[in-house]
């Protein structure tokens, strides 16, 4: 399923870049991702890491889900687990399952963070939407602006995405959690 999603990411990245009238050079400058890497992603020659995707979507003021979803698809009233797209970061093995579709008003993403993995997202000033993290299983260390906390099952953290946020799993098992945010 991941290779199909890599193709969607490649297509959507190019669509969004061209819709803005941006060259590869402009996106590279705005995102601090090399022109060569952006070109490889757009041609579906490499699977981007979560960090690269965060930089690219941040530069274009998009959510990761919007880049991982076909444009203009209507969300069904029931979205079965086997119909939800799954993407795995090739570097950290961090896994995202897109629970809600790309056109949903509220974005819900189920995350699995392996033991020892660290994923960092750098917020941009234009990215002011609120994110909520609901811990399901395991222990997650979250740093989001002034918040630094260990989250346990049932715990909820709220922060704005314009802040640097780092998710770390220093526990003994996979950390499973939901990220919930309202689409802009």
Protein backbone atom coordinates (compact mmCIF):
# COMPACT_ATOMS: atom_id res chain seq x y z
CA UNK A 1 0.00 0.00 0.00
CA UNK A 2 2.92 2.32 0.73
CA UNK A 3 4.18 2.36 -2.86
CA UNK A 4 0.74 3.49 -4.09
CA UNK A 5 0.78 6.25 -1.49
CA UNK A 6 4.29 7.30 -2.57
CA UNK A 7 2.82 7.79 -6.05
CA UNK A 8 0.02 9.96 -4.65
CA UNK A 9 2.56 12.01 -2.68
CA UNK A 10 4.66 12.50 -5.84
CA UNK A 11 1.66 13.61 -7.87
CA UNK A 12 0.20 15.87 -5.17
CA UNK A 13 3.54 17.53 -4.41
CA UNK A 14 3.97 18.45 -8.05
CA UNK A 15 0.34 19.61 -8.34
CA UNK A 16 0.63 21.85 -5.28
CA UNK A 17 3.98 23.29 -6.38
CA UNK A 18 2.70 24.07 -9.88
CA UNK A 19 -0.62 25.47 -8.58
CA UNK A 20 1.45 28.06 -6.72
CA UNK A 21 3.56 28.79 -9.78
CA UNK A 22 6.67 27.73 -7.88
CA UNK A 23 9.78 26.36 -9.51
CA UNK A 24 11.75 23.52 -7.94
CA UNK A 25 14.27 26.14 -6.86
CA UNK A 26 11.61 28.20 -5.06
CA UNK A 27 10.25 25.18 -3.19
CA UNK A 28 13.80 24.15 -2.32
CA UNK A 29 14.52 27.61 -0.90
CA UNK A 30 11.25 27.78 1.04
CA UNK A 31 11.53 24.25 2.47
CA UNK A 32 15.32 23.79 2.87
CA UNK A 33 14.97 20.52 0.92
CA UNK A 34 17.35 20.21 -2.03
CA UNK A 35 16.05 20.70 -5.55
CA UNK A 36 17.38 17.25 -6.49
CA UNK A 37 15.50 15.57 -3.64
CA UNK A 38 12.25 17.37 -4.50
CA UNK A 39 12.65 16.28 -8.12
CA UNK A 40 13.20 12.64 -7.04
CA UNK A 41 10.10 12.76 -4.82
CA UNK A 42 7.98 14.29 -7.60
CA UNK A 43 9.16 11.59 -10.04
CA UNK A 44 8.41 8.92 -7.41
CA UNK A 45 12.03 7.77 -7.41
CA UNK A 46 12.40 7.90 -3.63
CA UNK A 47 10.20 7.54 -0.59
CA UNK A 48 10.50 10.77 1.42
CA UNK A 49 11.04 10.77 5.17
CA UNK A 50 8.56 12.35 7.59
CA UNK A 51 11.03 15.18 8.20
CA UNK A 52 11.26 16.00 4.48
CA UNK A 53 7.50 15.85 4.06
CA UNK A 54 7.03 18.15 7.04
CA UNK A 55 9.42 20.71 5.54
CA UNK A 56 7.72 20.55 2.13
CA UNK A 57 4.17 20.78 3.46
CA UNK A 58 5.17 23.49 5.92
CA UNK A 59 6.64 25.61 3.12
CA UNK A 60 3.39 25.32 1.17
CA UNK A 61 1.15 25.63 4.27
CA UNK A 62 -0.37 22.17 3.74
CA UNK A 63 -1.06 19.29 6.08
CA UNK A 64 0.66 15.95 5.54
CA UNK A 65 -2.76 14.40 5.00
CA UNK A 66 -3.61 16.80 2.18
CA UNK A 67 -0.39 15.76 0.41
CA UNK A 68 -1.20 12.08 0.94
CA UNK A 69 -4.78 12.28 -0.39
CA UNK A 70 -6.07 12.59 -3.92
CA UNK A 71 -7.59 16.01 -4.54
CA UNK A 72 -11.37 16.22 -4.73
CA UNK A 73 -12.25 12.74 -3.54
CA UNK A 74 -15.52 12.57 -1.63
CA UNK A 75 -15.22 10.92 1.77
CA UNK A 76 -17.45 7.86 2.19
CA UNK A 77 -19.77 7.73 5.17
CA UNK A 78 -17.89 4.66 6.43
CA UNK A 79 -14.13 4.47 5.94
CA UNK A 80 -13.02 0.90 6.58
CA UNK A 81 -9.57 0.33 8.08
CA UNK A 82 -8.41 -1.57 4.97
CA UNK A 83 -9.38 1.49 2.83
CA UNK A 84 -7.26 3.88 4.89
CA UNK A 85 -3.92 4.80 3.35
CA UNK A 86 -0.81 3.80 5.30
CA UNK A 87 2.58 5.46 4.89
CA UNK A 88 5.83 4.40 6.56
CA UNK A 89 8.85 6.67 6.99
CA UNK A 90 11.75 4.80 5.38
CA UNK A 91 14.20 6.21 7.93
CA UNK A 92 12.44 5.78 11.29
CA UNK A 93 9.71 3.25 10.38
CA UNK A 94 7.22 5.76 11.85
CA UNK A 95 3.82 4.79 10.41
CA UNK A 96 0.84 7.05 9.60
CA UNK A 97 -2.62 5.69 8.84
CA UNK A 98 -4.96 8.30 7.36
CA UNK A 99 -8.14 7.56 9.28
CA UNK A 100 -10.09 10.49 7.84
CA UNK A 101 -10.01 11.25 4.13
CA UNK A 102 -8.24 14.25 2.64
CA UNK A 103 -11.47 16.22 2.26
CA UNK A 104 -12.68 15.67 5.83
CA UNK A 105 -13.25 18.75 7.98
CA UNK A 106 -11.32 17.14 10.84
CA UNK A 107 -8.09 15.31 10.10
CA UNK A 108 -7.47 12.15 12.12
CA UNK A 109 -4.21 10.25 11.73
CA UNK A 110 -3.31 7.07 13.63
CA UNK A 111 0.42 6.91 14.37
CA UNK A 112 2.70 4.05 15.37
CA UNK A 113 6.12 5.18 16.59
CA UNK A 114 8.63 2.32 17.03
CA UNK A 115 10.79 1.95 20.14
CA UNK A 116 13.76 4.33 19.92
CA UNK A 117 12.28 6.42 17.08
CA UNK A 118 12.29 10.22 17.13
CA UNK A 119 10.30 12.33 14.66
CA UNK A 120 10.70 16.10 14.59
CA UNK A 121 8.43 18.58 12.85
CA UNK A 122 9.46 22.21 12.55
CA UNK A 123 6.52 24.58 12.75
CA UNK A 124 6.17 27.55 10.46
CA UNK A 125 4.68 30.90 11.52
CA UNK A 126 1.88 30.48 8.94
CA UNK A 127 0.89 27.06 10.34
CA UNK A 128 -1.30 28.17 13.27
CA UNK A 129 -3.80 25.31 13.40
CA UNK A 130 -4.21 23.43 16.66
CA UNK A 131 -3.16 19.81 16.95
CA UNK A 132 -4.31 17.37 19.58
CA UNK A 133 -2.49 14.16 20.42
CA UNK A 134 -4.47 11.40 22.12
CA UNK A 135 -2.29 8.61 23.51
CA UNK A 136 -3.63 5.09 22.94
CA UNK A 137 -0.83 2.65 23.87
CA UNK A 138 2.73 2.83 25.16
CA UNK A 139 4.55 5.93 26.33
CA UNK A 140 5.35 8.94 24.17
CA UNK A 141 7.63 11.83 25.00
CA UNK A 142 6.28 15.02 23.45
CA UNK A 143 8.05 18.33 23.14
CA UNK A 144 5.87 21.06 21.64
CA UNK A 145 6.97 24.60 22.37
CA UNK A 146 6.72 25.01 26.16
CA UNK A 147 5.19 21.54 26.64
CA UNK A 148 7.58 18.71 27.50
CA UNK A 149 5.78 15.69 28.83
CA UNK A 150 5.52 11.94 28.84
CA UNK A 151 2.11 10.90 27.56
CA UNK A 152 0.43 7.68 28.74
CA UNK A 153 -2.74 5.98 27.46
CA UNK A 154 -5.69 8.35 27.74
CA UNK A 155 -3.54 11.51 28.00
CA UNK A 156 -4.29 14.38 25.61
CA UNK A 157 -1.88 17.16 24.59
CA UNK A 158 -2.85 20.29 22.64
CA UNK A 159 -0.51 22.69 20.84
CA UNK A 160 -0.31 24.86 17.74
CA UNK A 161 1.62 23.48 14.79
CA UNK A 162 3.69 26.65 14.38
CA UNK A 163 5.86 25.38 17.26
CA UNK A 164 8.67 22.88 16.85
CA UNK A 165 7.28 19.53 17.99
CA UNK A 166 9.21 16.35 18.61
CA UNK A 167 7.72 12.90 19.22
CA UNK A 168 10.05 10.35 20.89
CA UNK A 169 9.51 6.78 21.96
CA UNK A 170 11.93 5.87 24.76
CA UNK A 171 9.56 3.20 26.08
CA UNK A 172 9.61 -0.59 25.84
CA UNK A 173 6.86 -0.97 23.19
CA UNK A 174 5.44 0.75 20.13
CA UNK A 175 3.74 4.07 20.94
CA UNK A 176 0.29 4.33 19.33
CA UNK A 177 -1.55 7.64 19.28
CA UNK A 178 -3.98 9.75 17.29
CA UNK A 179 -3.22 13.21 15.89
CA UNK A 180 -6.39 15.21 15.43
CA UNK A 181 -6.68 18.64 13.82
CA UNK A 182 -9.20 20.77 12.02
CA UNK A 183 -8.40 21.32 8.34
CA UNK A 184 -7.62 24.90 7.39
